[in-house]
């Protein structure tokens, strides 16, 4: 159950990074936003998924977050007729797995600390 929850939350987080970008940054694509909006969003999403995922499942964060982003991007391609740079987008999503993995490791560490303190 924890694995399914982590995947669902990660996919939602990945989609929210894209969906909230125009509202929060004024940019349709989050990596065009100034500052650390995109990388920060990916890391924070990784922390959330890493905290929810079962032990030894660090791969879930990057996979789930990337899945959510890919679904959102695919929707943009279908409904907005945007996506002429999709090969570059795939490369960017693969690169974004690195900060997602870092976030997942942090989340897993926080979960371990929390579990030890709570006696579980």
PDB file of N, CA and C in Angstrom:
ATOM      1  N   UNK A   1       0.811  -1.191   0.000  1.00  0.00           N
ATOM      2  CA  UNK A   1       0.000   0.000   0.000  1.00  0.00           C
ATOM      3  C   UNK A   1       0.855   1.255   0.000  1.00  0.00           C
ATOM      4  N   UNK A   2       1.923   1.251   0.785  1.00  0.00           N
ATOM      5  CA  UNK A   2       2.793   2.424   0.828  1.00  0.00           C
ATOM      6  C   UNK A   2       3.364   2.736  -0.543  1.00  0.00           C
ATOM      7  N   UNK A   3       3.694   1.708  -1.294  1.00  0.00           N
ATOM      8  CA  UNK A   3       4.283   1.913  -2.610  1.00  0.00           C
ATOM      9  C   UNK A   3       3.285   2.587  -3.551  1.00  0.00           C
ATOM     10  N   UNK A   4       2.061   2.140  -3.546  1.00  0.00           N
ATOM     11  CA  UNK A   4       1.042   2.734  -4.410  1.00  0.00           C
ATOM     12  C   UNK A   4       0.770   4.181  -4.020  1.00  0.00           C
ATOM     13  N   UNK A   5       0.716   4.426  -2.730  1.00  0.00           N
ATOM     14  CA  UNK A   5       0.490   5.787  -2.241  1.00  0.00           C
ATOM     15  C   UNK A   5       1.627   6.694  -2.683  1.00  0.00           C
ATOM     16  N   UNK A   6       2.861   6.230  -2.532  1.00  0.00           N
ATOM     17  CA  UNK A   6       4.023   7.030  -2.918  1.00  0.00           C
ATOM     18  C   UNK A   6       4.012   7.325  -4.407  1.00  0.00           C
ATOM     19  N   UNK A   7       3.647   6.343  -5.217  1.00  0.00           N
ATOM     20  CA  UNK A   7       3.600   6.551  -6.666  1.00  0.00           C
ATOM     21  C   UNK A   7       2.518   7.570  -7.014  1.00  0.00           C
ATOM     22  N   UNK A   8       1.343   7.427  -6.410  1.00  0.00           N
ATOM     23  CA  UNK A   8       0.250   8.359  -6.697  1.00  0.00           C
ATOM     24  C   UNK A   8       0.607   9.779  -6.271  1.00  0.00           C
ATOM     25  N   UNK A   9       1.159   9.926  -5.077  1.00  0.00           N
ATOM     26  CA  UNK A   9       1.529  11.256  -4.577  1.00  0.00           C
ATOM     27  C   UNK A   9       2.632  11.854  -5.447  1.00  0.00           C
ATOM     28  N   UNK A  10       3.605  11.046  -5.831  1.00  0.00           N
ATOM     29  CA  UNK A  10       4.681  11.533  -6.692  1.00  0.00           C
ATOM     30  C   UNK A  10       4.173  11.994  -8.041  1.00  0.00           C
ATOM     31  N   UNK A  11       3.270  11.227  -8.633  1.00  0.00           N
ATOM     32  CA  UNK A  11       2.711  11.613  -9.931  1.00  0.00           C
ATOM     33  C   UNK A  11       1.915  12.912  -9.808  1.00  0.00           C
ATOM     34  N   UNK A  12       1.153  13.032  -8.732  1.00  0.00           N
ATOM     35  CA  UNK A  12       0.400  14.269  -8.516  1.00  0.00           C
ATOM     36  C   UNK A  12       1.353  15.440  -8.332  1.00  0.00           C
ATOM     37  N   UNK A  13       2.401  15.250  -7.540  1.00  0.00           N
ATOM     38  CA  UNK A  13       3.389  16.323  -7.332  1.00  0.00           C
ATOM     39  C   UNK A  13       4.031  16.740  -8.653  1.00  0.00           C
ATOM     40  N   UNK A  14       4.400  15.759  -9.479  1.00  0.00           N
ATOM     41  CA  UNK A  14       5.009  16.074 -10.768  1.00  0.00           C
ATOM     42  C   UNK A  14       4.085  16.881 -11.655  1.00  0.00           C
ATOM     43  N   UNK A  15       2.803  16.520 -11.665  1.00  0.00           N
ATOM     44  CA  UNK A  15       1.835  17.260 -12.471  1.00  0.00           C
ATOM     45  C   UNK A  15       1.595  18.655 -11.898  1.00  0.00           C
ATOM     46  N   UNK A  16       1.577  18.765 -10.578  1.00  0.00           N
ATOM     47  CA  UNK A  16       1.339  20.065  -9.937  1.00  0.00           C
ATOM     48  C   UNK A  16       2.475  21.041 -10.238  1.00  0.00           C
ATOM     49  N   UNK A  17       3.698  20.540 -10.316  1.00  0.00           N
ATOM     50  CA  UNK A  17       4.830  21.412 -10.667  1.00  0.00           C
ATOM     51  C   UNK A  17       4.532  22.118 -11.986  1.00  0.00           C
ATOM     52  N   UNK A  18       4.008  21.375 -12.946  1.00  0.00           N
ATOM     53  CA  UNK A  18       3.696  21.947 -14.259  1.00  0.00           C
ATOM     54  C   UNK A  18       2.411  22.758 -14.229  1.00  0.00           C
ATOM     55  N   UNK A  19       1.387  22.235 -13.579  1.00  0.00           N
ATOM     56  CA  UNK A  19       0.105  22.915 -13.552  1.00  0.00           C
ATOM     57  C   UNK A  19       0.133  24.238 -12.820  1.00  0.00           C
ATOM     58  N   UNK A  20       0.937  24.322 -11.777  1.00  0.00           N
ATOM     59  CA  UNK A  20       1.006  25.554 -10.985  1.00  0.00           C
ATOM     60  C   UNK A  20       1.973  26.576 -11.572  1.00  0.00           C
ATOM     61  N   UNK A  21       2.808  26.162 -12.476  1.00  0.00           N
ATOM     62  CA  UNK A  21       3.824  27.066 -13.013  1.00  0.00           C
ATOM     63  C   UNK A  21       3.254  28.344 -13.634  1.00  0.00           C
ATOM     64  N   UNK A  22       2.247  28.265 -14.505  1.00  0.00           N
ATOM     65  CA  UNK A  22       1.731  29.516 -15.077  1.00  0.00           C
ATOM     66  C   UNK A  22       1.161  30.462 -14.021  1.00  0.00           C
ATOM     67  N   UNK A  23       0.544  29.897 -12.990  1.00  0.00           N
ATOM     68  CA  UNK A  23      -0.062  30.713 -11.942  1.00  0.00           C
ATOM     69  C   UNK A  23       1.011  31.328 -11.037  1.00  0.00           C
ATOM     70  N   UNK A  24       1.977  30.508 -10.638  1.00  0.00           N
ATOM     71  CA  UNK A  24       2.983  30.968  -9.673  1.00  0.00           C
ATOM     72  C   UNK A  24       4.134  31.753 -10.294  1.00  0.00           C
ATOM     73  N   UNK A  25       4.479  31.413 -11.537  1.00  0.00           N
ATOM     74  CA  UNK A  25       5.665  32.031 -12.135  1.00  0.00           C
ATOM     75  C   UNK A  25       5.369  32.824 -13.407  1.00  0.00           C
ATOM     76  N   UNK A  26       4.210  32.614 -13.985  1.00  0.00           N
ATOM     77  CA  UNK A  26       3.897  33.267 -15.250  1.00  0.00           C
ATOM     78  C   UNK A  26       4.494  32.550 -16.446  1.00  0.00           C
ATOM     79  N   UNK A  27       5.132  31.430 -16.222  1.00  0.00           N
ATOM     80  CA  UNK A  27       5.754  30.655 -17.304  1.00  0.00           C
ATOM     81  C   UNK A  27       4.965  29.367 -17.531  1.00  0.00           C
ATOM     82  N   UNK A  28       4.699  29.041 -18.778  1.00  0.00           N
ATOM     83  CA  UNK A  28       3.974  27.824 -19.102  1.00  0.00           C
ATOM     84  C   UNK A  28       4.786  26.587 -18.718  1.00  0.00           C
ATOM     85  N   UNK A  29       6.070  26.654 -18.975  1.00  0.00           N
ATOM     86  CA  UNK A  29       6.946  25.528 -18.648  1.00  0.00           C
ATOM     87  C   UNK A  29       7.764  25.887 -17.410  1.00  0.00           C
ATOM     88  N   UNK A  30       7.750  25.032 -16.395  1.00  0.00           N
ATOM     89  CA  UNK A  30       8.379  25.398 -15.125  1.00  0.00           C
ATOM     90  C   UNK A  30       9.887  25.619 -15.209  1.00  0.00           C
ATOM     91  N   UNK A  31      10.562  24.987 -16.135  1.00  0.00           N
ATOM     92  CA  UNK A  31      12.014  25.198 -16.204  1.00  0.00           C
ATOM     93  C   UNK A  31      12.362  26.539 -16.832  1.00  0.00           C
ATOM     94  N   UNK A  32      11.361  27.232 -17.380  1.00  0.00           N
ATOM     95  CA  UNK A  32      11.579  28.595 -17.872  1.00  0.00           C
ATOM     96  C   UNK A  32      11.395  29.641 -16.775  1.00  0.00           C
ATOM     97  N   UNK A  33      10.917  29.221 -15.632  1.00  0.00           N
ATOM     98  CA  UNK A  33      10.656  30.146 -14.519  1.00  0.00           C
ATOM     99  C   UNK A  33      11.970  30.622 -13.910  1.00  0.00           C
ATOM    100  N   UNK A  34      11.980  31.863 -13.440  1.00  0.00           N
ATOM    101  CA  UNK A  34      13.197  32.358 -12.784  1.00  0.00           C
ATOM    102  C   UNK A  34      13.402  31.674 -11.433  1.00  0.00           C
ATOM    103  N   UNK A  35      14.622  31.666 -11.011  1.00  0.00           N
ATOM    104  CA  UNK A  35      14.917  31.103  -9.688  1.00  0.00           C
ATOM    105  C   UNK A  35      14.910  29.585  -9.686  1.00  0.00           C
ATOM    106  N   UNK A  36      14.603  29.059  -8.538  1.00  0.00           N
ATOM    107  CA  UNK A  36      14.679  27.615  -8.341  1.00  0.00           C
ATOM    108  C   UNK A  36      13.310  26.947  -8.327  1.00  0.00           C
ATOM    109  N   UNK A  37      12.336  27.535  -8.980  1.00  0.00           N
ATOM    110  CA  UNK A  37      10.986  26.973  -8.949  1.00  0.00           C
ATOM    111  C   UNK A  37      10.989  25.501  -9.374  1.00  0.00           C
ATOM    112  N   UNK A  38      11.562  25.206 -10.535  1.00  0.00           N
ATOM    113  CA  UNK A  38      11.487  23.842 -11.054  1.00  0.00           C
ATOM    114  C   UNK A  38      12.321  22.870 -10.224  1.00  0.00           C
ATOM    115  N   UNK A  39      13.574  23.179 -10.042  1.00  0.00           N
ATOM    116  CA  UNK A  39      14.448  22.273  -9.287  1.00  0.00           C
ATOM    117  C   UNK A  39      13.951  22.144  -7.848  1.00  0.00           C
ATOM    118  N   UNK A  40      13.565  23.262  -7.252  1.00  0.00           N
ATOM    119  CA  UNK A  40      13.042  23.218  -5.886  1.00  0.00           C
ATOM    120  C   UNK A  40      11.782  22.379  -5.796  1.00  0.00           C
ATOM    121  N   UNK A  41      10.894  22.525  -6.768  1.00  0.00           N
ATOM    122  CA  UNK A  41       9.670  21.730  -6.782  1.00  0.00           C
ATOM    123  C   UNK A  41       9.949  20.246  -6.919  1.00  0.00           C
ATOM    124  N   UNK A  42      10.925  19.911  -7.750  1.00  0.00           N
ATOM    125  CA  UNK A  42      11.279  18.503  -7.938  1.00  0.00           C
ATOM    126  C   UNK A  42      11.903  17.936  -6.664  1.00  0.00           C
ATOM    127  N   UNK A  43      12.782  18.706  -6.027  1.00  0.00           N
ATOM    128  CA  UNK A  43      13.415  18.231  -4.785  1.00  0.00           C
ATOM    129  C   UNK A  43      12.367  18.064  -3.679  1.00  0.00           C
ATOM    130  N   UNK A  44      11.520  19.062  -3.494  1.00  0.00           N
ATOM    131  CA  UNK A  44      10.484  18.977  -2.451  1.00  0.00           C
ATOM    132  C   UNK A  44       9.550  17.793  -2.737  1.00  0.00           C
ATOM    133  N   UNK A  45       9.195  17.595  -3.992  1.00  0.00           N
ATOM    134  CA  UNK A  45       8.371  16.440  -4.346  1.00  0.00           C
ATOM    135  C   UNK A  45       9.084  15.139  -4.004  1.00  0.00           C
ATOM    136  N   UNK A  46      10.377  15.098  -4.280  1.00  0.00           N
ATOM    137  CA  UNK A  46      11.165  13.911  -3.931  1.00  0.00           C
ATOM    138  C   UNK A  46      11.186  13.659  -2.443  1.00  0.00           C
ATOM    139  N   UNK A  47      11.300  14.720  -1.651  1.00  0.00           N
ATOM    140  CA  UNK A  47      11.288  14.569  -0.190  1.00  0.00           C
ATOM    141  C   UNK A  47       9.952  13.973   0.252  1.00  0.00           C
ATOM    142  N   UNK A  48       8.876  14.475  -0.292  1.00  0.00           N
ATOM    143  CA  UNK A  48       7.545  13.973   0.082  1.00  0.00           C
ATOM    144  C   UNK A  48       7.416  12.491  -0.272  1.00  0.00           C
ATOM    145  N   UNK A  49       7.783  12.139  -1.498  1.00  0.00           N
ATOM    146  CA  UNK A  49       7.665  10.746  -1.930  1.00  0.00           C
ATOM    147  C   UNK A  49       8.628   9.857  -1.150  1.00  0.00           C
ATOM    148  N   UNK A  50       9.839  10.341  -0.911  1.00  0.00           N
ATOM    149  CA  UNK A  50      10.802   9.557  -0.148  1.00  0.00           C
ATOM    150  C   UNK A  50      10.340   9.286   1.270  1.00  0.00           C
ATOM    151  N   UNK A  51       9.619  10.231   1.850  1.00  0.00           N
ATOM    152  CA  UNK A  51       9.098  10.043   3.202  1.00  0.00           C
ATOM    153  C   UNK A  51       7.937   9.050   3.222  1.00  0.00           C
ATOM    154  N   UNK A  52       7.215   8.944   2.116  1.00  0.00           N
ATOM    155  CA  UNK A  52       6.061   8.045   2.050  1.00  0.00           C
ATOM    156  C   UNK A  52       6.419   6.645   1.564  1.00  0.00           C
ATOM    157  N   UNK A  53       7.474   6.541   0.781  1.00  0.00           N
ATOM    158  CA  UNK A  53       7.822   5.266   0.145  1.00  0.00           C
ATOM    159  C   UNK A  53       8.357   4.273   1.173  1.00  0.00           C
ATOM    160  N   UNK A  54       8.148   2.995   0.903  1.00  0.00           N
ATOM    161  CA  UNK A  54       8.721   1.987   1.793  1.00  0.00           C
ATOM    162  C   UNK A  54      10.248   2.031   1.756  1.00  0.00           C
ATOM    163  N   UNK A  55      10.898   1.538   2.798  1.00  0.00           N
ATOM    164  CA  UNK A  55      12.359   1.513   2.795  1.00  0.00           C
ATOM    165  C   UNK A  55      12.908   0.817   1.545  1.00  0.00           C
ATOM    166  N   UNK A  56      14.046   1.265   1.132  1.00  0.00           N
ATOM    167  CA  UNK A  56      14.747   0.733  -0.046  1.00  0.00           C
ATOM    168  C   UNK A  56      13.975   0.926  -1.338  1.00  0.00           C
ATOM    169  N   UNK A  57      13.231   2.005  -1.415  1.00  0.00           N
ATOM    170  CA  UNK A  57      12.467   2.307  -2.626  1.00  0.00           C
ATOM    171  C   UNK A  57      12.768   3.709  -3.129  1.00  0.00           C
ATOM    172  N   UNK A  58      14.028   4.112  -3.081  1.00  0.00           N
ATOM    173  CA  UNK A  58      14.392   5.461  -3.513  1.00  0.00           C
ATOM    174  C   UNK A  58      14.038   5.731  -4.967  1.00  0.00           C
ATOM    175  N   UNK A  59      14.008   4.701  -5.772  1.00  0.00           N
ATOM    176  CA  UNK A  59      13.704   4.848  -7.186  1.00  0.00           C
ATOM    177  C   UNK A  59      12.280   5.313  -7.430  1.00  0.00           C
ATOM    178  N   UNK A  60      11.397   5.137  -6.438  1.00  0.00           N
ATOM    179  CA  UNK A  60      10.001   5.528  -6.628  1.00  0.00           C
ATOM    180  C   UNK A  60       9.831   7.025  -6.849  1.00  0.00           C
ATOM    181  N   UNK A  61      10.604   7.828  -6.125  1.00  0.00           N
ATOM    182  CA  UNK A  61      10.472   9.280  -6.240  1.00  0.00           C
ATOM    183  C   UNK A  61      10.684   9.783  -7.657  1.00  0.00           C
ATOM    184  N   UNK A  62      11.865   9.567  -8.213  1.00  0.00           N
ATOM    185  CA  UNK A  62      12.104  10.047  -9.571  1.00  0.00           C
ATOM    186  C   UNK A  62      11.136   9.451 -10.597  1.00  0.00           C
ATOM    187  N   UNK A  63      10.814   8.175 -10.443  1.00  0.00           N
ATOM    188  CA  UNK A  63       9.913   7.531 -11.393  1.00  0.00           C
ATOM    189  C   UNK A  63       8.516   8.146 -11.335  1.00  0.00           C
ATOM    190  N   UNK A  64       7.975   8.282 -10.139  1.00  0.00           N
ATOM    191  CA  UNK A  64       6.612   8.804  -9.984  1.00  0.00           C
ATOM    192  C   UNK A  64       6.524  10.277 -10.372  1.00  0.00           C
ATOM    193  N   UNK A  65       7.493  11.064  -9.960  1.00  0.00           N
ATOM    194  CA  UNK A  65       7.489  12.494 -10.295  1.00  0.00           C
ATOM    195  C   UNK A  65       7.629  12.674 -11.809  1.00  0.00           C
ATOM    196  N   UNK A  66       8.522  11.919 -12.409  1.00  0.00           N
ATOM    197  CA  UNK A  66       8.686  11.972 -13.865  1.00  0.00           C
ATOM    198  C   UNK A  66       7.427  11.534 -14.591  1.00  0.00           C
ATOM    199  N   UNK A  67       6.734  10.530 -14.057  1.00  0.00           N
ATOM    200  CA  UNK A  67       5.491  10.073 -14.658  1.00  0.00           C
ATOM    201  C   UNK A  67       4.441  11.181 -14.635  1.00  0.00           C
ATOM    202  N   UNK A  68       4.312  11.844 -13.504  1.00  0.00           N
ATOM    203  CA  UNK A  68       3.354  12.941 -13.407  1.00  0.00           C
ATOM    204  C   UNK A  68       3.668  14.078 -14.358  1.00  0.00           C
ATOM    205  N   UNK A  69       4.943  14.400 -14.471  1.00  0.00           N
ATOM    206  CA  UNK A  69       5.341  15.456 -15.399  1.00  0.00           C
ATOM    207  C   UNK A  69       5.078  15.039 -16.842  1.00  0.00           C
ATOM    208  N   UNK A  70       5.398  13.790 -17.166  1.00  0.00           N
ATOM    209  CA  UNK A  70       5.215  13.302 -18.533  1.00  0.00           C
ATOM    210  C   UNK A  70       3.736  13.311 -18.921  1.00  0.00           C
ATOM    211  N   UNK A  71       2.870  12.927 -17.993  1.00  0.00           N
ATOM    212  CA  UNK A  71       1.430  12.942 -18.278  1.00  0.00           C
ATOM    213  C   UNK A  71       0.968  14.372 -18.534  1.00  0.00           C
ATOM    214  N   UNK A  72       1.433  15.316 -17.708  1.00  0.00           N
ATOM    215  CA  UNK A  72       1.040  16.722 -17.905  1.00  0.00           C
ATOM    216  C   UNK A  72       1.546  17.232 -19.259  1.00  0.00           C
ATOM    217  N   UNK A  73       2.791  16.936 -19.578  1.00  0.00           N
ATOM    218  CA  UNK A  73       3.372  17.390 -20.845  1.00  0.00           C
ATOM    219  C   UNK A  73       2.625  16.769 -22.021  1.00  0.00           C
ATOM    220  N   UNK A  74       2.294  15.485 -21.917  1.00  0.00           N
ATOM    221  CA  UNK A  74       1.537  14.819 -22.976  1.00  0.00           C
ATOM    222  C   UNK A  74       0.184  15.502 -23.161  1.00  0.00           C
ATOM    223  N   UNK A  75      -0.454  15.864 -22.057  1.00  0.00           N
ATOM    224  CA  UNK A  75      -1.715  16.604 -22.140  1.00  0.00           C
ATOM    225  C   UNK A  75      -1.545  17.944 -22.830  1.00  0.00           C
ATOM    226  N   UNK A  76      -0.447  18.637 -22.533  1.00  0.00           N
ATOM    227  CA  UNK A  76      -0.171  19.911 -23.206  1.00  0.00           C
ATOM    228  C   UNK A  76      -0.004  19.703 -24.702  1.00  0.00           C
ATOM    229  N   UNK A  77       0.676  18.622 -25.065  1.00  0.00           N
ATOM    230  CA  UNK A  77       0.889  18.333 -26.479  1.00  0.00           C
ATOM    231  C   UNK A  77      -0.439  18.065 -27.182  1.00  0.00           C
ATOM    232  N   UNK A  78      -1.325  17.357 -26.510  1.00  0.00           N
ATOM    233  CA  UNK A  78      -2.607  17.011 -27.122  1.00  0.00           C
ATOM    234  C   UNK A  78      -3.566  18.191 -27.209  1.00  0.00           C
ATOM    235  N   UNK A  79      -3.706  18.922 -26.108  1.00  0.00           N
ATOM    236  CA  UNK A  79      -4.747  19.936 -26.027  1.00  0.00           C
ATOM    237  C   UNK A  79      -4.305  21.336 -26.420  1.00  0.00           C
ATOM    238  N   UNK A  80      -3.015  21.592 -26.373  1.00  0.00           N
ATOM    239  CA  UNK A  80      -2.519  22.922 -26.740  1.00  0.00           C
ATOM    240  C   UNK A  80      -1.686  22.890 -28.009  1.00  0.00           C
ATOM    241  N   UNK A  81      -1.536  21.708 -28.573  1.00  0.00           N
ATOM    242  CA  UNK A  81      -0.741  21.535 -29.777  1.00  0.00           C
ATOM    243  C   UNK A  81       0.674  22.073 -29.595  1.00  0.00           C
ATOM    244  N   UNK A  82       1.202  21.832 -28.416  1.00  0.00           N
ATOM    245  CA  UNK A  82       2.588  22.212 -28.130  1.00  0.00           C
ATOM    246  C   UNK A  82       3.370  20.939 -27.873  1.00  0.00           C
ATOM    247  N   UNK A  83       4.566  20.899 -28.274  1.00  0.00           N
ATOM    248  CA  UNK A  83       5.360  19.710 -28.051  1.00  0.00           C
ATOM    249  C   UNK A  83       6.321  19.411 -29.173  1.00  0.00           C
ATOM    250  N   UNK A  84       6.670  20.433 -29.924  1.00  0.00           N
ATOM    251  CA  UNK A  84       7.594  20.211 -31.035  1.00  0.00           C
ATOM    252  C   UNK A  84       9.005  19.925 -30.542  1.00  0.00           C
ATOM    253  N   UNK A  85       9.258  20.141 -29.274  1.00  0.00           N
ATOM    254  CA  UNK A  85      10.579  19.856 -28.710  1.00  0.00           C
ATOM    255  C   UNK A  85      10.532  18.664 -27.764  1.00  0.00           C
ATOM    256  N   UNK A  86       9.631  17.712 -27.999  1.00  0.00           N
ATOM    257  CA  UNK A  86       9.471  16.610 -27.074  1.00  0.00           C
ATOM    258  C   UNK A  86      10.734  15.778 -26.852  1.00  0.00           C
ATOM    259  N   UNK A  87      11.625  15.595 -27.846  1.00  0.00           N
ATOM    260  CA  UNK A  87      12.854  14.848 -27.536  1.00  0.00           C
ATOM    261  C   UNK A  87      13.708  15.563 -26.481  1.00  0.00           C
ATOM    262  N   UNK A  88      13.788  16.875 -26.580  1.00  0.00           N
ATOM    263  CA  UNK A  88      14.521  17.651 -25.584  1.00  0.00           C
ATOM    264  C   UNK A  88      13.837  17.576 -24.223  1.00  0.00           C
ATOM    265  N   UNK A  89      12.524  17.541 -24.239  1.00  0.00           N
ATOM    266  CA  UNK A  89      11.756  17.429 -23.003  1.00  0.00           C
ATOM    267  C   UNK A  89      12.059  16.113 -22.297  1.00  0.00           C
ATOM    268  N   UNK A  90      12.158  15.038 -23.039  1.00  0.00           N
ATOM    269  CA  UNK A  90      12.480  13.739 -22.441  1.00  0.00           C
ATOM    270  C   UNK A  90      13.859  13.784 -21.793  1.00  0.00           C
ATOM    271  N   UNK A  91      14.813  14.393 -22.468  1.00  0.00           N
ATOM    272  CA  UNK A  91      16.158  14.528 -21.888  1.00  0.00           C
ATOM    273  C   UNK A  91      16.091  15.340 -20.597  1.00  0.00           C
ATOM    274  N   UNK A  92      15.322  16.425 -20.606  1.00  0.00           N
ATOM    275  CA  UNK A  92      15.199  17.264 -19.405  1.00  0.00           C
ATOM    276  C   UNK A  92      14.555  16.492 -18.264  1.00  0.00           C
ATOM    277  N   UNK A  93      13.561  15.668 -18.552  1.00  0.00           N
ATOM    278  CA  UNK A  93      12.915  14.875 -17.502  1.00  0.00           C
ATOM    279  C   UNK A  93      13.870  13.839 -16.918  1.00  0.00           C
ATOM    280  N   UNK A  94      14.695  13.260 -17.762  1.00  0.00           N
ATOM    281  CA  UNK A  94      15.692  12.304 -17.263  1.00  0.00           C
ATOM    282  C   UNK A  94      16.687  13.025 -16.354  1.00  0.00           C
ATOM    283  N   UNK A  95      17.115  14.214 -16.762  1.00  0.00           N
ATOM    284  CA  UNK A  95      18.030  14.988 -15.918  1.00  0.00           C
ATOM    285  C   UNK A  95      17.370  15.418 -14.609  1.00  0.00           C
ATOM    286  N   UNK A  96      16.068  15.689 -14.662  1.00  0.00           N
ATOM    287  CA  UNK A  96      15.341  16.092 -13.454  1.00  0.00           C
ATOM    288  C   UNK A  96      15.217  14.949 -12.457  1.00  0.00           C
ATOM    289  N   UNK A  97      15.505  13.734 -12.892  1.00  0.00           N
ATOM    290  CA  UNK A  97      15.470  12.607 -11.966  1.00  0.00           C
ATOM    291  C   UNK A  97      16.561  12.725 -10.905  1.00  0.00           C
ATOM    292  N   UNK A  98      17.632  13.437 -11.214  1.00  0.00           N
ATOM    293  CA  UNK A  98      18.728  13.582 -10.241  1.00  0.00           C
ATOM    294  C   UNK A  98      18.274  14.363  -9.008  1.00  0.00           C
ATOM    295  N   UNK A  99      17.710  15.577  -9.155  1.00  0.00           N
ATOM    296  CA  UNK A  99      17.236  16.250  -7.943  1.00  0.00           C
ATOM    297  C   UNK A  99      16.076  15.512  -7.279  1.00  0.00           C
ATOM    298  N   UNK A 100      15.272  14.791  -8.046  1.00  0.00           N
ATOM    299  CA  UNK A 100      14.196  14.003  -7.443  1.00  0.00           C
ATOM    300  C   UNK A 100      14.775  12.883  -6.586  1.00  0.00           C
ATOM    301  N   UNK A 101      15.849  12.276  -7.050  1.00  0.00           N
ATOM    302  CA  UNK A 101      16.507  11.219  -6.288  1.00  0.00           C
ATOM    303  C   UNK A 101      17.128  11.780  -5.010  1.00  0.00           C
ATOM    304  N   UNK A 102      17.744  12.950  -5.109  1.00  0.00           N
ATOM    305  CA  UNK A 102      18.301  13.605  -3.918  1.00  0.00           C
ATOM    306  C   UNK A 102      17.183  13.874  -2.914  1.00  0.00           C
ATOM    307  N   UNK A 103      16.068  14.412  -3.391  1.00  0.00           N
ATOM    308  CA  UNK A 103      14.932  14.668  -2.513  1.00  0.00           C
ATOM    309  C   UNK A 103      14.396  13.391  -1.889  1.00  0.00           C
ATOM    310  N   UNK A 104      14.332  12.319  -2.668  1.00  0.00           N
ATOM    311  CA  UNK A 104      13.855  11.039  -2.141  1.00  0.00           C
ATOM    312  C   UNK A 104      14.776  10.516  -1.048  1.00  0.00           C
ATOM    313  N   UNK A 105      16.076  10.682  -1.234  1.00  0.00           N
ATOM    314  CA  UNK A 105      17.032  10.245  -0.213  1.00  0.00           C
ATOM    315  C   UNK A 105      16.843  11.047   1.074  1.00  0.00           C
ATOM    316  N   UNK A 106      16.634  12.346   0.934  1.00  0.00           N
ATOM    317  CA  UNK A 106      16.390  13.189   2.117  1.00  0.00           C
ATOM    318  C   UNK A 106      15.097  12.746   2.801  1.00  0.00           C
ATOM    319  N   UNK A 107      14.044  12.537   2.022  1.00  0.00           N
ATOM    320  CA  UNK A 107      12.770  12.096   2.591  1.00  0.00           C
ATOM    321  C   UNK A 107      12.878  10.749   3.293  1.00  0.00           C
ATOM    322  N   UNK A 108      13.612   9.823   2.691  1.00  0.00           N
ATOM    323  CA  UNK A 108      13.804   8.514   3.317  1.00  0.00           C
ATOM    324  C   UNK A 108      14.574   8.649   4.630  1.00  0.00           C
ATOM    325  N   UNK A 109      15.577   9.525   4.637  1.00  0.00           N
ATOM    326  CA  UNK A 109      16.321   9.772   5.872  1.00  0.00           C
ATOM    327  C   UNK A 109      15.437  10.369   6.953  1.00  0.00           C
ATOM    328  N   UNK A 110      14.609  11.321   6.576  1.00  0.00           N
ATOM    329  CA  UNK A 110      13.682  11.920   7.540  1.00  0.00           C
ATOM    330  C   UNK A 110      12.683  10.891   8.057  1.00  0.00           C
ATOM    331  N   UNK A 111      12.229  10.025   7.169  1.00  0.00           N
ATOM    332  CA  UNK A 111      11.313   8.965   7.598  1.00  0.00           C
ATOM    333  C   UNK A 111      11.993   8.041   8.593  1.00  0.00           C
ATOM    334  N   UNK A 112      13.260   7.695   8.350  1.00  0.00           N
ATOM    335  CA  UNK A 112      14.005   6.852   9.284  1.00  0.00           C
ATOM    336  C   UNK A 112      14.145   7.488  10.641  1.00  0.00           C
ATOM    337  N   UNK A 113      14.451   8.773  10.642  1.00  0.00           N
ATOM    338  CA  UNK A 113      14.578   9.508  11.915  1.00  0.00           C
ATOM    339  C   UNK A 113      13.234   9.525  12.640  1.00  0.00           C
ATOM    340  N   UNK A 114      12.169   9.827  11.902  1.00  0.00           N
ATOM    341  CA  UNK A 114      10.843   9.882  12.504  1.00  0.00           C
ATOM    342  C   UNK A 114      10.426   8.531  13.068  1.00  0.00           C
ATOM    343  N   UNK A 115      10.718   7.464  12.320  1.00  0.00           N
ATOM    344  CA  UNK A 115      10.353   6.117  12.762  1.00  0.00           C
ATOM    345  C   UNK A 115      11.097   5.742  14.035  1.00  0.00           C
ATOM    346  N   UNK A 116      12.376   6.083  14.104  1.00  0.00           N
ATOM    347  CA  UNK A 116      13.166   5.777  15.303  1.00  0.00           C
ATOM    348  C   UNK A 116      12.652   6.563  16.513  1.00  0.00           C
ATOM    349  N   UNK A 117      12.320   7.817  16.308  1.00  0.00           N
ATOM    350  CA  UNK A 117      11.840   8.640  17.425  1.00  0.00           C
ATOM    351  C   UNK A 117      10.469   8.209  17.916  1.00  0.00           C
ATOM    352  N   UNK A 118       9.656   7.726  16.997  1.00  0.00           N
ATOM    353  CA  UNK A 118       8.302   7.330  17.393  1.00  0.00           C
ATOM    354  C   UNK A 118       8.246   5.882  17.876  1.00  0.00           C
ATOM    355  N   UNK A 119       9.392   5.207  17.807  1.00  0.00           N
ATOM    356  CA  UNK A 119       9.462   3.837  18.319  1.00  0.00           C
ATOM    357  C   UNK A 119       8.972   2.780  17.363  1.00  0.00           C
ATOM    358  N   UNK A 120       8.781   3.161  16.081  1.00  0.00           N
ATOM    359  CA  UNK A 120       8.253   2.185  15.108  1.00  0.00           C
ATOM    360  C   UNK A 120       9.319   1.632  14.306  1.00  0.00           C
TER     361      UNK A 120
END
